[in-house]
Amino acid sequence: MALSILDNLVDKADGGQKSSSWYRKAVGTITDRISARRLMAQGKLIGRPSVGRLNLFVYDPKYKQTLPYYDIFPLVLPLEPIKNGFAGINFHYLPPNQRFTLLTQLQRYAIHGAREISAKNRFDVSYNRIKKLPLTKNAIKKYLWAHTRSQYLRIDYNEAALAVYLPIAQFKKGRPY
């Protein structure tokens, strides 16, 4: 498991798919113990984002002065490399219920099939595969290596539905919703 704070909830899910309300309520039972700092301290940190999995990290945008708002603790599913960084879907740019809806839509690209809810599974996604999904329109962002301020916290496939409900988005200057 990548996020030890979620271990108990992952165990309760018992490897099966649950409803969005189940995940939202499950995360609600641990919200008093969740913070960006605590997640980073308890999870498995890696030097580069884990392809096919959600990742959390600290980010300082290059053009933050001109952005109407930005997320300094993005929850990103990498899509493809770009010059000096990568492009990915930042789930924090969507309201929590839409995050879960998008995650459900992306399960069709799961390597071991959508029904296998395990740490071994991952998403086989690219920009070309997901660009027509309406929910991705405002959530695809570019991230530059030089502006990453931490290592990456890998979130395994079986933790993803819980992670999209974590109240850890850290927007500056406003919010997208």
Protein backbone atom coordinates (compact mmCIF):
# COMPACT_ATOMS: atom_id res chain seq x y z
CA MET A 1 0.00 0.00 0.00
CA ALA A 2 1.24 3.44 -0.84
CA LEU A 3 -0.89 5.44 1.62
CA SER A 4 -0.85 3.82 5.06
CA ILE A 5 -3.52 6.22 6.37
CA LEU A 6 -5.94 4.60 3.88
CA ASP A 7 -5.01 0.98 4.65
CA ASN A 8 -7.99 0.36 6.93
CA LEU A 9 -10.42 1.80 4.37
CA VAL A 10 -8.87 -0.21 1.52
CA ASP A 11 -9.31 -3.33 3.67
CA LYS A 12 -12.97 -2.44 4.28
CA ALA A 13 -13.52 -2.08 0.52
CA ASP A 14 -12.35 -5.71 0.30
CA GLY A 15 -11.08 -5.46 -3.28
CA GLY A 16 -14.49 -4.61 -4.70
CA GLN A 17 -16.02 -1.57 -6.30
CA LYS A 18 -18.20 0.53 -4.05
CA SER A 19 -20.53 3.45 -4.68
CA SER A 20 -19.36 7.04 -4.68
CA SER A 21 -21.27 7.65 -1.44
CA TRP A 22 -19.46 4.71 0.22
CA TYR A 23 -16.04 6.19 -0.65
CA ARG A 24 -17.11 9.71 0.36
CA LYS A 25 -18.41 8.48 3.74
CA ALA A 26 -15.34 6.29 4.29
CA VAL A 27 -12.99 9.24 3.76
CA GLY A 28 -15.24 11.32 6.03
CA THR A 29 -14.33 9.01 8.92
CA ILE A 30 -10.64 9.97 8.69
CA THR A 31 -10.73 13.64 7.62
CA ASP A 32 -9.58 14.82 11.04
CA ARG A 33 -6.35 12.83 10.56
CA ILE A 34 -5.56 13.91 7.00
CA SER A 35 -3.20 16.64 5.86
CA ALA A 36 -0.84 17.01 2.93
CA ARG A 37 2.15 16.82 5.26
CA ARG A 38 0.91 13.67 6.97
CA LEU A 39 0.18 11.92 3.68
CA MET A 40 3.65 12.69 2.37
CA ALA A 41 5.24 11.46 5.61
CA GLN A 42 3.36 8.14 5.63
CA GLY A 43 3.35 7.19 1.97
CA LYS A 44 5.79 5.73 -0.50
CA LEU A 45 7.71 8.61 -2.06
CA ILE A 46 9.35 8.21 -5.45
CA GLY A 47 11.58 10.44 -7.57
CA ARG A 48 9.38 10.58 -10.68
CA PRO A 49 5.60 10.35 -11.03
CA SER A 50 4.27 6.81 -11.29
CA VAL A 51 2.80 6.31 -14.75
CA GLY A 52 -0.65 4.74 -14.70
CA ARG A 53 -1.31 5.75 -11.09
CA LEU A 54 -2.42 8.87 -9.27
CA ASN A 55 0.36 10.95 -7.71
CA LEU A 56 0.45 13.69 -5.09
CA PHE A 57 3.27 16.22 -4.89
CA VAL A 58 4.06 19.81 -3.98
CA TYR A 59 4.17 22.16 -6.96
CA ASP A 60 5.09 25.83 -7.48
CA PRO A 61 3.74 26.91 -10.91
CA LYS A 62 6.06 28.85 -13.20
CA TYR A 63 3.37 31.37 -14.20
CA LYS A 64 1.52 31.61 -10.89
CA GLN A 65 1.41 35.42 -11.10
CA THR A 66 -0.83 35.26 -14.18
CA LEU A 67 -3.00 32.30 -13.17
CA PRO A 68 -6.44 33.07 -11.69
CA TYR A 69 -5.91 30.15 -9.25
CA TYR A 70 -3.60 27.15 -8.92
CA ASP A 71 -3.15 23.97 -6.91
CA ILE A 72 0.09 23.60 -4.93
CA PHE A 73 -0.68 19.98 -3.90
CA PRO A 74 -2.01 18.40 -7.11
CA LEU A 75 -3.54 14.93 -7.41
CA VAL A 76 -2.39 13.98 -10.90
CA LEU A 77 -2.70 11.03 -13.26
CA PRO A 78 0.23 11.49 -15.69
CA LEU A 79 -0.68 11.27 -19.37
CA GLU A 80 2.53 11.84 -21.29
CA PRO A 81 5.93 13.48 -21.15
CA ILE A 82 6.40 17.03 -22.38
CA LYS A 83 9.57 19.06 -22.72
CA ASN A 84 11.02 19.44 -19.19
CA GLY A 85 8.05 17.79 -17.50
CA PHE A 86 4.78 15.96 -18.04
CA ALA A 87 1.10 16.55 -18.75
CA GLY A 88 -1.55 15.01 -16.56
CA ILE A 89 -5.08 15.17 -15.22
CA ASN A 90 -5.26 17.09 -11.93
CA PHE A 91 -8.37 15.72 -10.22
CA HIS A 92 -8.46 18.66 -7.82
CA TYR A 93 -9.77 20.87 -10.64
CA LEU A 94 -13.04 18.93 -10.45
CA PRO A 95 -15.59 18.80 -7.61
CA PRO A 96 -15.29 15.52 -5.63
CA ASN A 97 -18.31 13.78 -7.22
CA GLN A 98 -17.03 14.61 -10.70
CA ARG A 99 -13.59 13.29 -9.71
CA PHE A 100 -15.20 9.95 -8.91
CA THR A 101 -17.18 10.01 -12.17
CA LEU A 102 -14.00 10.65 -14.17
CA LEU A 103 -12.15 7.93 -12.29
CA THR A 104 -14.97 5.52 -13.14
CA GLN A 105 -14.77 6.53 -16.82
CA LEU A 106 -11.00 5.96 -16.82
CA GLN A 107 -11.39 2.43 -15.47
CA ARG A 108 -12.06 1.22 -19.02
CA TYR A 109 -8.33 1.81 -19.56
CA ALA A 110 -7.25 -0.31 -16.61
CA ILE A 111 -4.51 -2.74 -17.61
CA HIS A 112 -6.00 -5.70 -15.71
CA GLY A 113 -9.63 -4.70 -16.32
CA ALA A 114 -11.90 -2.35 -14.38
CA ARG A 115 -13.10 -5.05 -12.00
CA GLU A 116 -9.66 -5.85 -10.59
CA ILE A 117 -9.36 -3.37 -7.74
CA SER A 118 -5.82 -4.11 -6.61
CA ALA A 119 -2.50 -2.35 -6.12
CA LYS A 120 -1.15 -4.22 -9.16
CA ASN A 121 -3.63 -2.66 -11.56
CA ARG A 122 -3.02 0.72 -13.20
CA PHE A 123 -4.40 3.01 -15.89
CA ASP A 124 -3.12 2.82 -19.46
CA VAL A 125 -3.95 6.39 -20.47
CA SER A 126 -2.62 9.01 -22.84
CA TYR A 127 -3.82 12.42 -23.96
CA ASN A 128 -5.17 10.99 -27.22
CA ARG A 129 -7.18 8.34 -25.36
CA ILE A 130 -8.89 10.69 -22.92
CA LYS A 131 -9.05 14.08 -24.68
CA LYS A 132 -12.70 13.61 -25.67
CA LEU A 133 -13.89 12.91 -22.13
CA PRO A 134 -15.71 16.14 -21.18
CA LEU A 135 -14.54 16.10 -17.54
CA THR A 136 -10.90 16.28 -18.57
CA LYS A 137 -11.28 19.59 -20.42
CA ASN A 138 -10.26 21.89 -17.55
CA ALA A 139 -8.30 19.32 -15.55
CA ILE A 140 -5.41 18.60 -17.93
CA LYS A 141 -2.37 20.56 -16.78
CA LYS A 142 1.36 20.68 -17.53
CA TYR A 143 3.95 20.23 -14.81
CA LEU A 144 7.61 21.20 -15.11
CA TRP A 145 10.29 19.21 -13.27
CA ALA A 146 12.03 22.42 -12.14
CA HIS A 147 8.87 23.57 -10.32
CA THR A 148 8.22 20.35 -8.41
CA ARG A 149 8.99 20.96 -4.73
CA SER A 150 8.78 17.42 -3.38
CA GLN A 151 9.02 13.80 -4.33
CA TYR A 152 5.90 12.07 -5.66
CA LEU A 153 3.53 10.11 -3.49
CA ARG A 154 2.27 7.12 -5.47
CA ILE A 155 -1.37 6.24 -5.00
CA ASP A 156 -2.16 2.70 -6.02
CA TYR A 157 -5.18 1.78 -8.14
CA ASN A 158 -7.03 0.31 -5.16
CA GLU A 159 -6.61 3.62 -3.28
CA ALA A 160 -7.63 5.93 -6.12
CA ALA A 161 -11.38 6.07 -5.37
CA LEU A 162 -10.61 7.04 -1.78
CA ALA A 163 -7.92 9.54 -2.80
CA VAL A 164 -10.27 11.56 -5.04
CA TYR A 165 -12.38 12.34 -1.95
CA LEU A 166 -9.49 13.39 0.30
CA PRO A 167 -9.93 17.07 1.34
CA ILE A 168 -6.34 17.99 0.51
CA ALA A 169 -6.54 20.33 -2.49
CA GLN A 170 -4.53 23.47 -1.76
CA PHE A 171 -5.58 26.19 -4.15
CA LYS A 172 -4.10 29.66 -4.09
CA LYS A 173 -5.86 32.82 -5.30
CA GLY A 174 -9.25 31.12 -5.73
CA ARG A 175 -10.89 27.82 -6.67
CA PRO A 176 -12.06 26.26 -9.95
CA TYR A 177 -15.52 25.35 -8.56
